[in-house]
Amino acid sequence: MKPKLTISILLFLFSFGWMKGLAQQTNAFSAKQAVDYALKNSATVKNALIDIQIQQKQNREITASAYPQITGSGSITYNPNVAVQTFPNFIAAGTYGVLAQNNVKDGNGNPIVAPADFGVIAAQFGSKVNANAGVDFNQILFDGQVFVGLMARKASIQYAEAAANVTQEQIKTNVYKIYYQLTVGKRQIETINANIANYDKLLHDTRIIYQNGFAEKLDVDKVQVQLNNLQTQRLKAQNQLDAGNAGLKFLLNMPQKDILMLTDTLSDEDVKLNILDSEYNYADRKEYQQLEAASKLGKYNVKRYQLSTLPTVHLAANYSKNAQRQKFDLFNGPYFTSSFIALRVNVPIFDGGARNARVASAKLSLLKTENNISQLKSSIDNDVAQARINMSSAILTLDNQRKNIDLAMQVYNTTRLKYEQGLGSNQEISNAQTDLVTAQNNYYSALYDAINAKIDFLKAAGKL
């Protein structure tokens, strides 16, 4: 019984842990918390941050090139057939020369005369087994391109960071817009629910009036149609809200199974707070910072090619041991030592104008970057000016739509009171209700346009 009990407990714990792993997680986020979550979890942002790490590793590679380079090597070579080399028969030539020099004569008493051609000697030079082990050392003493690369490391990191900041700002913009779109959608659904409750009461009252003979069946049907339309509108709005919620989760890189709750509300005062009087600087824009970093890199690139015309100086050294054997016996016998220390200077003399072309190309690329900076300044000025206009217009529209709601509500309340007292018609209250719903929809549309305009202005001014 005990083993069975133990297995049951283990199965229960495993099932509990598995179910817990599949459980939904509820996230209640303000707009800022949603942005922070996105900046931490978005795959796009993660990749931008990885690009910074990649650049750091590339900088480390550039730094390493300025350090001493030490390489060890070793080899064993077996020559089954040692190569044969031929060369003039200098032995015979020397021998005849000695004989002639000493006036040696042949057996007939004639002086020995050297032949016209002594022929060649074929001989094997080398051993069957050669072993070698050594260490090479190389140190850059001067190389203009390497030194420029070392100076450009900080600028390259700044460029990667600026690119990541541009990505992060775009994510922030999208998160804020979708977040507040959902916030406005929630308010709109609350209003639709209130309208449905009003129409439920109106339908109830109209039915009673009809039963008492003071209204037609047509009046009841009209109210029922309007109530159905409102319920359909609520369903569509809820579907849009659910789809937007799923889209926001995707943007945040949040699992779809998790629950996302939005805690921020949005009012007219929130939209108008600290907006039109904000000053701006070009340097606050992330795109401007990125181009500034690109300009620095472009200047280093020009300098790199300019210094490529200077000589390069390297210090090199080698120390090695080698053995030559007629068989595989590397542990017995002598090892011969060889070594050298060299100072190598390479002086560019003529390359067909390639270096000058690279310098000119780098300068033109830098000029394009400077032109882009100038164009971006104009674009920022235009963005801010347009955003101010859009924001002013959006706020004015929002104020007007708020007044329209108040007026439509007053008309509806007055018409409803008359209807309940038997002084108004069903058509009048129906028209008043329709006008109120239209005013409410226009208001929420204006509210979302206003918050979008504010987000666009903050982004244009570099203050998002």
Protein backbone atom coordinates (compact mmCIF):
# COMPACT_ATOMS: atom_id res chain seq x y z
CA MET A 1 0.00 0.00 0.00
CA LYS A 2 2.78 2.43 0.77
CA PRO A 3 4.40 2.23 -2.71
CA LYS A 4 0.98 2.85 -4.29
CA LEU A 5 0.39 5.80 -1.98
CA THR A 6 3.79 7.27 -2.82
CA ILE A 7 3.12 6.94 -6.55
CA SER A 8 -0.26 8.61 -6.12
CA ILE A 9 1.31 11.52 -4.28
CA LEU A 10 3.98 11.92 -6.97
CA LEU A 11 1.37 11.84 -9.71
CA PHE A 12 -0.66 14.46 -7.86
CA LEU A 13 2.36 16.72 -7.41
CA PHE A 14 3.33 16.30 -11.05
CA SER A 15 -0.19 17.07 -12.22
CA PHE A 16 -0.36 20.09 -9.90
CA GLY A 17 2.95 21.42 -11.20
CA TRP A 18 1.91 20.81 -14.80
CA MET A 19 -1.43 22.54 -14.31
CA LYS A 20 0.30 25.43 -12.58
CA GLY A 21 2.64 25.79 -15.53
CA LEU A 22 -0.37 26.03 -17.85
CA ALA A 23 -2.25 28.44 -15.58
CA GLN A 24 -3.03 31.89 -16.84
CA GLN A 25 -1.10 34.83 -15.49
CA THR A 26 -2.95 38.07 -14.91
CA ASN A 27 -1.11 41.28 -15.75
CA ALA A 28 -2.68 44.57 -14.67
CA PHE A 29 -0.68 47.26 -16.48
CA SER A 30 -0.68 51.01 -16.63
CA ALA A 31 0.40 52.48 -19.95
CA LYS A 32 3.96 52.95 -18.67
CA GLN A 33 4.08 49.42 -17.28
CA ALA A 34 2.92 48.09 -20.64
CA VAL A 35 5.72 50.02 -22.35
CA ASP A 36 8.30 48.74 -19.86
CA TYR A 37 7.09 45.18 -20.42
CA ALA A 38 7.37 45.60 -24.19
CA LEU A 39 10.87 47.06 -23.99
CA LYS A 40 11.91 44.08 -21.90
CA ASN A 41 10.22 41.31 -23.87
CA SER A 42 9.79 42.49 -27.46
CA ALA A 43 11.81 40.32 -29.86
CA THR A 44 12.57 43.40 -31.98
CA VAL A 45 14.03 45.24 -29.00
CA LYS A 46 15.94 42.14 -27.89
CA ASN A 47 17.55 41.88 -31.30
CA ALA A 48 18.48 45.57 -31.23
CA LEU A 49 20.17 45.04 -27.86
CA ILE A 50 21.93 41.97 -29.22
CA ASP A 51 23.29 44.18 -32.02
CA ILE A 52 24.98 46.27 -29.33
CA GLN A 53 26.60 43.14 -27.89
CA ILE A 54 27.70 42.11 -31.38
CA GLN A 55 29.33 45.50 -31.86
CA GLN A 56 31.08 45.13 -28.50
CA LYS A 57 32.54 41.80 -29.65
CA GLN A 58 33.62 43.36 -32.93
CA ASN A 59 35.35 46.12 -30.96
CA ARG A 60 37.09 43.46 -28.92
CA GLU A 61 38.30 41.91 -32.17
CA ILE A 62 39.69 45.27 -33.29
CA THR A 63 41.42 45.71 -29.93
CA ALA A 64 42.93 42.24 -30.18
CA SER A 65 44.60 43.12 -33.48
CA ALA A 66 46.75 45.70 -31.64
CA TYR A 67 48.00 43.10 -29.17
CA PRO A 68 50.93 40.75 -29.83
CA GLN A 69 49.97 37.78 -31.98
CA ILE A 70 51.67 34.56 -30.85
CA THR A 71 51.22 31.36 -32.84
CA GLY A 72 52.59 27.92 -32.12
CA SER A 73 53.12 25.39 -34.89
CA GLY A 74 54.39 21.87 -35.26
CA SER A 75 54.69 19.33 -38.04
CA ILE A 76 56.00 15.85 -38.84
CA THR A 77 56.80 14.94 -42.43
CA TYR A 78 57.57 11.46 -43.72
CA ASN A 79 59.21 11.15 -47.13
CA PRO A 80 59.10 7.54 -48.41
CA ASN A 81 61.15 8.69 -51.39
CA VAL A 82 63.44 11.59 -50.73
CA ALA A 83 63.46 13.92 -53.70
CA VAL A 84 66.39 13.55 -56.10
CA GLN A 85 68.19 16.63 -57.33
CA THR A 86 70.69 16.83 -60.22
CA PHE A 87 73.60 19.24 -60.45
CA PRO A 88 76.86 19.57 -62.50
CA ASN A 89 79.57 17.03 -61.68
CA PHE A 90 81.78 19.42 -59.76
CA ILE A 91 83.72 16.52 -58.22
CA ALA A 92 85.12 15.40 -61.56
CA ALA A 93 85.80 18.99 -62.55
CA GLY A 94 87.74 19.56 -59.35
CA THR A 95 89.67 16.36 -59.72
CA TYR A 96 90.75 17.17 -63.28
CA GLY A 97 91.66 20.65 -62.17
CA VAL A 98 94.00 19.30 -59.47
CA LEU A 99 95.59 16.87 -61.93
CA ALA A 100 96.13 19.57 -64.49
CA GLN A 101 97.49 21.96 -61.91
CA ASN A 102 100.11 19.38 -60.84
CA ASN A 103 101.03 18.42 -64.43
CA VAL A 104 100.00 14.85 -63.93
CA LYS A 105 100.36 12.77 -67.07
CA ASP A 106 98.59 9.70 -68.23
CA GLY A 107 100.19 6.30 -68.86
CA ASN A 108 101.42 7.40 -72.27
CA GLY A 109 103.21 10.39 -70.80
CA ASN A 110 100.67 12.87 -72.15
CA PRO A 111 99.26 15.67 -69.94
CA ILE A 112 95.84 14.90 -68.64
CA VAL A 113 93.22 17.05 -70.39
CA ALA A 114 89.78 17.69 -68.85
CA PRO A 115 86.78 16.56 -70.98
CA ALA A 116 84.39 19.19 -72.39
CA ASP A 117 81.38 17.87 -70.36
CA PHE A 118 81.68 16.32 -66.92
CA GLY A 119 78.01 15.33 -66.84
CA VAL A 120 75.74 15.63 -63.78
CA ILE A 121 75.38 14.04 -60.40
CA ALA A 122 71.98 12.77 -59.17
CA ALA A 123 71.67 12.74 -55.38
CA GLN A 124 69.05 12.68 -52.63
CA PHE A 125 69.20 15.59 -50.22
CA GLY A 126 67.15 15.36 -47.05
CA SER A 127 65.94 12.76 -44.64
CA LYS A 128 62.93 10.49 -44.58
CA VAL A 129 61.52 11.93 -41.34
CA ASN A 130 61.47 15.64 -40.53
CA ALA A 131 59.97 17.12 -37.36
CA ASN A 132 59.54 20.79 -36.60
CA ALA A 133 58.08 22.79 -33.70
CA GLY A 134 58.19 26.53 -33.32
CA VAL A 135 56.64 29.75 -32.05
CA ASP A 136 55.91 32.83 -34.18
CA PHE A 137 55.53 36.31 -32.72
CA ASN A 138 54.09 39.32 -34.51
CA GLN A 139 53.40 42.80 -33.15
CA ILE A 140 51.97 45.80 -34.98
CA LEU A 141 54.12 48.82 -34.22
CA PHE A 142 52.31 51.18 -36.56
CA ASP A 143 49.28 50.68 -38.78
CA GLY A 144 47.08 53.70 -39.38
CA GLN A 145 43.94 51.69 -40.13
CA VAL A 146 44.22 49.68 -36.91
CA PHE A 147 44.72 52.82 -34.83
CA VAL A 148 41.67 54.49 -36.40
CA GLY A 149 39.67 51.34 -35.67
CA LEU A 150 40.66 51.62 -32.02
CA MET A 151 39.58 55.28 -31.91
CA ALA A 152 36.22 54.47 -33.57
CA ARG A 153 35.17 51.86 -31.02
CA LYS A 154 33.18 54.26 -28.86
CA ALA A 155 31.42 55.79 -31.86
CA SER A 156 30.43 52.36 -33.15
CA ILE A 157 28.85 51.50 -29.79
CA GLN A 158 27.01 54.84 -29.79
CA TYR A 159 25.64 54.05 -33.24
CA ALA A 160 24.40 50.61 -32.16
CA GLU A 161 22.82 52.13 -29.03
CA ALA A 162 21.16 54.87 -31.08
CA ALA A 163 19.72 52.27 -33.45
CA ALA A 164 18.33 50.38 -30.46
CA ASN A 165 16.82 53.60 -29.10
CA VAL A 166 15.05 54.22 -32.42
CA THR A 167 13.58 50.73 -32.24
CA GLN A 168 12.52 51.19 -28.63
CA GLU A 169 10.82 54.52 -29.40
CA GLN A 170 8.82 52.95 -32.21
CA ILE A 171 7.71 50.18 -29.88
CA LYS A 172 6.73 52.76 -27.25
CA THR A 173 4.70 54.73 -29.79
CA ASN A 174 2.78 51.67 -30.94
CA VAL A 175 2.15 50.45 -27.39
CA TYR A 176 0.83 53.82 -26.24
CA LYS A 177 -1.48 54.15 -29.24
CA ILE A 178 -2.96 50.67 -28.91
CA TYR A 179 -3.19 50.97 -25.12
CA TYR A 180 -5.19 54.20 -25.28
CA GLN A 181 -7.27 52.90 -28.16
CA LEU A 182 -8.34 50.06 -25.88
CA THR A 183 -8.89 52.50 -23.01
CA VAL A 184 -11.21 54.60 -25.15
CA GLY A 185 -12.90 51.40 -26.35
CA LYS A 186 -13.61 50.37 -22.76
CA ARG A 187 -15.23 53.72 -22.06
CA GLN A 188 -17.27 53.45 -25.22
CA ILE A 189 -18.58 50.02 -24.23
CA GLU A 190 -19.53 51.38 -20.82
CA THR A 191 -21.53 54.11 -22.55
CA ILE A 192 -23.16 51.59 -24.90
CA ASN A 193 -24.17 49.51 -21.88
CA ALA A 194 -25.73 52.59 -20.29
CA ASN A 195 -27.62 53.31 -23.52
CA ILE A 196 -28.85 49.70 -23.64
CA ALA A 197 -30.11 50.04 -20.08
CA ASN A 198 -31.97 53.23 -21.08
CA TYR A 199 -33.49 51.53 -24.09
CA ASP A 200 -34.50 48.52 -21.98
CA LYS A 201 -36.44 50.89 -19.75
CA LEU A 202 -37.83 52.74 -22.74
CA LEU A 203 -38.97 49.47 -24.31
CA HIS A 204 -40.62 48.47 -21.03
CA ASP A 205 -42.40 51.82 -20.73
CA THR A 206 -43.48 51.77 -24.38
CA ARG A 207 -44.98 48.31 -24.00
CA ILE A 208 -46.99 49.46 -20.98
CA ILE A 209 -48.22 52.50 -22.90
CA TYR A 210 -49.11 50.25 -25.82
CA GLN A 211 -50.99 47.86 -23.54
CA ASN A 212 -52.95 50.83 -22.19
CA GLY A 213 -53.86 51.87 -25.73
CA PHE A 214 -51.80 55.08 -25.88
CA ALA A 215 -49.19 53.81 -28.36
CA GLU A 216 -49.06 51.71 -31.48
CA LYS A 217 -47.37 48.37 -31.97
CA LEU A 218 -45.12 50.18 -34.43
CA ASP A 219 -43.74 52.31 -31.60
CA VAL A 220 -42.79 49.18 -29.65
CA ASP A 221 -41.13 47.68 -32.72
CA LYS A 222 -39.11 50.84 -33.38
CA VAL A 223 -37.69 50.80 -29.85
CA GLN A 224 -36.95 47.10 -30.17
CA VAL A 225 -35.05 47.70 -33.43
CA GLN A 226 -32.98 50.45 -31.84
CA LEU A 227 -32.24 48.23 -28.85
CA ASN A 228 -31.14 45.43 -31.16
CA ASN A 229 -28.89 47.84 -33.03
CA LEU A 230 -27.26 48.92 -29.77
CA GLN A 231 -26.69 45.31 -28.74
CA THR A 232 -25.10 44.63 -32.14
CA GLN A 233 -22.95 47.73 -31.72
CA ARG A 234 -21.83 46.50 -28.30
CA LEU A 235 -20.93 43.09 -29.74
CA LYS A 236 -18.88 44.67 -32.52
CA ALA A 237 -17.16 47.00 -30.06
CA GLN A 238 -16.37 44.12 -27.72
CA ASN A 239 -14.96 42.06 -30.60
CA GLN A 240 -12.76 44.99 -31.62
CA LEU A 241 -11.66 45.39 -28.02
CA ASP A 242 -10.77 41.69 -27.77
CA ALA A 243 -8.87 41.83 -31.06
CA GLY A 244 -7.02 44.94 -29.90
CA ASN A 245 -6.17 43.27 -26.61
CA ALA A 246 -4.72 40.29 -28.50
CA GLY A 247 -2.79 42.68 -30.75
CA LEU A 248 -1.36 44.50 -27.73
CA LYS A 249 -0.27 41.17 -26.22
CA PHE A 250 1.49 40.35 -29.47
CA LEU A 251 3.24 43.73 -29.46
CA LEU A 252 4.29 43.19 -25.83
CA ASN A 253 5.37 39.62 -26.67
CA MET A 254 3.03 38.39 -23.93
CA PRO A 255 1.55 34.87 -24.16
CA GLN A 256 -1.98 35.03 -25.55
CA LYS A 257 -3.20 32.72 -22.77
CA ASP A 258 -2.32 35.35 -20.16
CA ILE A 259 -4.85 37.95 -19.05
CA LEU A 260 -4.03 41.59 -19.78
CA MET A 261 -5.89 44.24 -17.80
CA LEU A 262 -5.50 47.97 -18.46
CA THR A 263 -5.53 50.09 -15.31
CA ASP A 264 -5.11 53.58 -16.78
CA THR A 265 -8.08 55.77 -17.62
CA LEU A 266 -8.17 58.62 -20.11
CA SER A 267 -9.85 61.98 -19.65
CA ASP A 268 -9.90 65.27 -21.52
CA GLU A 269 -7.55 66.74 -18.92
CA ASP A 270 -5.02 63.95 -19.48
CA VAL A 271 -4.88 64.80 -23.16
CA LYS A 272 -4.43 68.54 -22.59
CA LEU A 273 -1.81 68.29 -19.86
CA ASN A 274 1.62 69.82 -20.71
CA ILE A 275 1.51 69.63 -24.45
CA LEU A 276 1.56 72.68 -26.72
CA ASP A 277 4.13 74.78 -24.88
CA SER A 278 6.83 72.10 -24.91
CA GLU A 279 10.13 73.15 -26.46
CA TYR A 280 12.15 70.73 -28.53
CA ASN A 281 15.74 70.12 -29.56
CA TYR A 282 16.96 68.15 -32.54
CA ALA A 283 19.27 66.15 -30.30
CA ASP A 284 16.26 64.78 -28.39
CA ARG A 285 15.13 62.81 -31.44
CA LYS A 286 16.48 59.27 -31.52
CA GLU A 287 16.83 59.36 -35.32
CA TYR A 288 19.00 62.47 -35.03
CA GLN A 289 21.21 60.78 -32.45
CA GLN A 290 21.60 57.81 -34.79
CA LEU A 291 22.65 60.02 -37.72
CA GLU A 292 25.07 61.93 -35.50
CA ALA A 293 26.72 58.63 -34.55
CA ALA A 294 26.77 57.62 -38.23
CA SER A 295 28.51 60.91 -39.05
CA LYS A 296 31.22 60.20 -36.48
CA LEU A 297 31.77 56.76 -37.97
CA GLY A 298 31.91 58.28 -41.45
CA LYS A 299 34.66 60.67 -40.37
CA TYR A 300 36.65 57.80 -38.91
CA ASN A 301 36.17 55.89 -42.15
CA VAL A 302 37.66 58.76 -44.16
CA LYS A 303 40.58 58.97 -41.75
CA ARG A 304 41.13 55.21 -41.96
CA TYR A 305 41.55 55.29 -45.73
CA GLN A 306 43.71 58.41 -45.57
CA LEU A 307 46.13 56.72 -43.14
CA SER A 308 46.28 53.64 -45.35
CA THR A 309 48.79 55.58 -47.50
CA LEU A 310 51.30 55.57 -44.62
CA PRO A 311 53.87 52.78 -44.11
CA THR A 312 53.06 49.95 -41.73
CA VAL A 313 55.63 48.63 -39.26
CA HIS A 314 55.58 45.14 -37.77
CA LEU A 315 57.91 43.36 -35.42
CA ALA A 316 58.23 39.64 -36.10
CA ALA A 317 60.17 36.85 -34.44
CA ASN A 318 60.43 33.08 -34.67
CA TYR A 319 61.97 30.35 -32.59
CA SER A 320 61.88 26.72 -33.76
CA LYS A 321 63.39 23.29 -33.25
CA ASN A 322 63.69 20.70 -35.98
CA ALA A 323 64.89 17.14 -36.25
CA GLN A 324 65.95 15.13 -39.30
CA ARG A 325 65.87 11.34 -39.08
CA GLN A 326 66.02 8.39 -41.38
CA LYS A 327 63.37 6.63 -39.32
CA PHE A 328 60.63 7.45 -36.78
CA ASP A 329 62.87 8.04 -33.82
CA LEU A 330 62.14 11.58 -32.71
CA PHE A 331 63.35 11.23 -29.13
CA ASN A 332 66.91 10.21 -29.87
CA GLY A 333 69.27 12.42 -31.77
CA PRO A 334 69.88 16.10 -32.06
CA TYR A 335 67.33 18.86 -32.50
CA PHE A 336 68.54 21.85 -34.45
CA THR A 337 67.56 25.34 -33.35
CA SER A 338 66.70 28.21 -35.66
CA SER A 339 65.42 31.70 -34.78
CA PHE A 340 65.09 35.18 -36.17
CA ILE A 341 63.93 38.68 -35.21
CA ALA A 342 62.73 40.95 -37.99
CA LEU A 343 61.48 44.50 -38.32
CA ARG A 344 59.21 44.67 -41.35
CA VAL A 345 58.27 47.93 -42.99
CA ASN A 346 55.75 48.00 -45.83
CA VAL A 347 55.72 51.24 -47.81
CA PRO A 348 52.81 51.83 -50.22
CA ILE A 349 54.24 53.11 -53.49
CA PHE A 350 51.68 52.69 -56.24
CA ASP A 351 48.33 50.93 -56.28
CA GLY A 352 46.76 52.37 -59.39
CA GLY A 353 44.81 55.02 -57.47
CA ALA A 354 42.74 52.55 -55.42
CA ARG A 355 43.48 54.28 -52.12
CA ASN A 356 42.51 57.69 -53.46
CA ALA A 357 39.28 56.21 -54.78
CA ARG A 358 38.46 54.71 -51.38
CA VAL A 359 39.12 58.04 -49.65
CA ALA A 360 36.91 59.87 -52.15
CA SER A 361 34.14 57.27 -51.75
CA ALA A 362 34.27 57.56 -47.95
CA LYS A 363 34.05 61.36 -48.18
CA LEU A 364 31.01 61.12 -50.45
CA SER A 365 29.32 58.71 -48.02
CA LEU A 366 30.02 61.16 -45.20
CA LEU A 367 28.54 63.98 -47.31
CA LYS A 368 25.36 61.93 -47.78
CA THR A 369 25.11 61.47 -44.01
CA GLU A 370 25.53 65.22 -43.45
CA ASN A 371 22.80 65.86 -46.03
CA ASN A 372 20.55 63.39 -44.22
CA ILE A 373 21.15 65.24 -40.96
CA SER A 374 20.18 68.52 -42.59
CA GLN A 375 17.09 66.92 -44.10
CA LEU A 376 16.15 65.37 -40.76
CA LYS A 377 16.30 68.79 -39.08
CA SER A 378 13.82 70.11 -41.61
CA SER A 379 11.70 67.01 -41.15
CA ILE A 380 11.69 67.45 -37.36
CA ASP A 381 10.62 71.09 -37.73
CA ASN A 382 7.81 70.00 -40.03
CA ASP A 383 6.80 67.10 -37.76
CA VAL A 384 6.54 69.36 -34.73
CA ALA A 385 4.67 72.07 -36.63
CA GLN A 386 2.19 69.56 -38.07
CA ALA A 387 1.81 67.87 -34.68
CA ARG A 388 1.04 71.22 -33.03
CA ILE A 389 -1.62 71.96 -35.64
CA ASN A 390 -3.13 68.49 -35.35
CA MET A 391 -3.06 68.69 -31.57
CA SER A 392 -4.76 72.10 -31.48
CA SER A 393 -7.40 70.91 -33.91
CA ALA A 394 -7.92 67.65 -32.00
CA ILE A 395 -8.37 69.49 -28.68
CA LEU A 396 -10.82 71.94 -30.23
CA THR A 397 -12.79 69.05 -31.75
CA LEU A 398 -12.72 67.22 -28.44
CA ASP A 399 -14.11 70.24 -26.59
CA ASN A 400 -16.87 70.65 -29.17
CA GLN A 401 -17.82 66.99 -29.01
CA ARG A 402 -17.92 67.15 -25.22
CA LYS A 403 -20.36 70.10 -25.49
CA ASN A 404 -22.40 68.16 -28.02
CA ILE A 405 -22.73 65.25 -25.60
CA ASP A 406 -23.93 67.59 -22.84
CA LEU A 407 -26.47 69.18 -25.17
CA ALA A 408 -27.63 65.82 -26.57
CA MET A 409 -28.02 64.52 -23.03
CA GLN A 410 -30.11 67.52 -22.03
CA VAL A 411 -32.32 67.09 -25.10
CA TYR A 412 -32.71 63.39 -24.42
CA ASN A 413 -33.59 63.90 -20.74
CA THR A 414 -36.13 66.60 -21.57
CA THR A 415 -37.68 64.54 -24.38
CA ARG A 416 -37.83 61.46 -22.22
CA LEU A 417 -39.53 63.38 -19.42
CA LYS A 418 -42.14 64.69 -21.88
CA TYR A 419 -42.64 61.18 -23.24
CA GLU A 420 -43.13 59.71 -19.77
CA GLN A 421 -45.72 62.43 -19.07
CA GLY A 422 -47.53 61.66 -22.31
CA LEU A 423 -46.58 64.99 -23.92
CA GLY A 424 -44.07 63.63 -26.45
CA SER A 425 -44.03 61.08 -29.19
CA ASN A 426 -42.03 57.92 -29.57
CA GLN A 427 -40.40 59.40 -32.65
CA GLU A 428 -39.11 62.37 -30.70
CA ILE A 429 -37.46 60.28 -28.01
CA SER A 430 -36.08 57.92 -30.63
CA ASN A 431 -34.49 60.83 -32.49
CA ALA A 432 -33.11 62.25 -29.24
CA GLN A 433 -31.59 58.90 -28.34
CA THR A 434 -30.04 58.53 -31.80
CA ASP A 435 -28.53 62.02 -31.56
CA LEU A 436 -27.09 61.18 -28.15
CA VAL A 437 -25.49 57.96 -29.40
CA THR A 438 -24.04 59.81 -32.39
CA ALA A 439 -22.63 62.54 -30.13
CA GLN A 440 -21.09 59.91 -27.84
CA ASN A 441 -19.47 58.06 -30.75
CA ASN A 442 -18.11 61.32 -32.13
CA TYR A 443 -16.72 62.23 -28.72
CA TYR A 444 -14.85 58.95 -28.30
CA SER A 445 -13.49 59.22 -31.80
CA ALA A 446 -12.29 62.74 -31.01
CA LEU A 447 -10.80 61.58 -27.71
CA TYR A 448 -8.77 58.87 -29.47
CA ASP A 449 -7.69 61.31 -32.20
CA ALA A 450 -6.54 63.74 -29.51
CA ILE A 451 -4.45 61.21 -27.59
CA ASN A 452 -2.95 60.03 -30.89
CA ALA A 453 -2.09 63.63 -31.76
CA LYS A 454 -0.45 64.06 -28.36
CA ILE A 455 1.62 60.89 -28.80
CA ASP A 456 2.68 62.04 -32.27
CA PHE A 457 3.67 65.44 -30.88
CA LEU A 458 5.72 63.95 -28.07
CA LYS A 459 7.45 61.66 -30.54
CA ALA A 460 8.12 64.55 -32.93
CA ALA A 461 9.61 66.60 -30.08
CA GLY A 462 11.68 63.67 -28.83
CA LYS A 463 9.88 63.60 -25.47
CA LEU A 464 7.85 60.40 -25.71
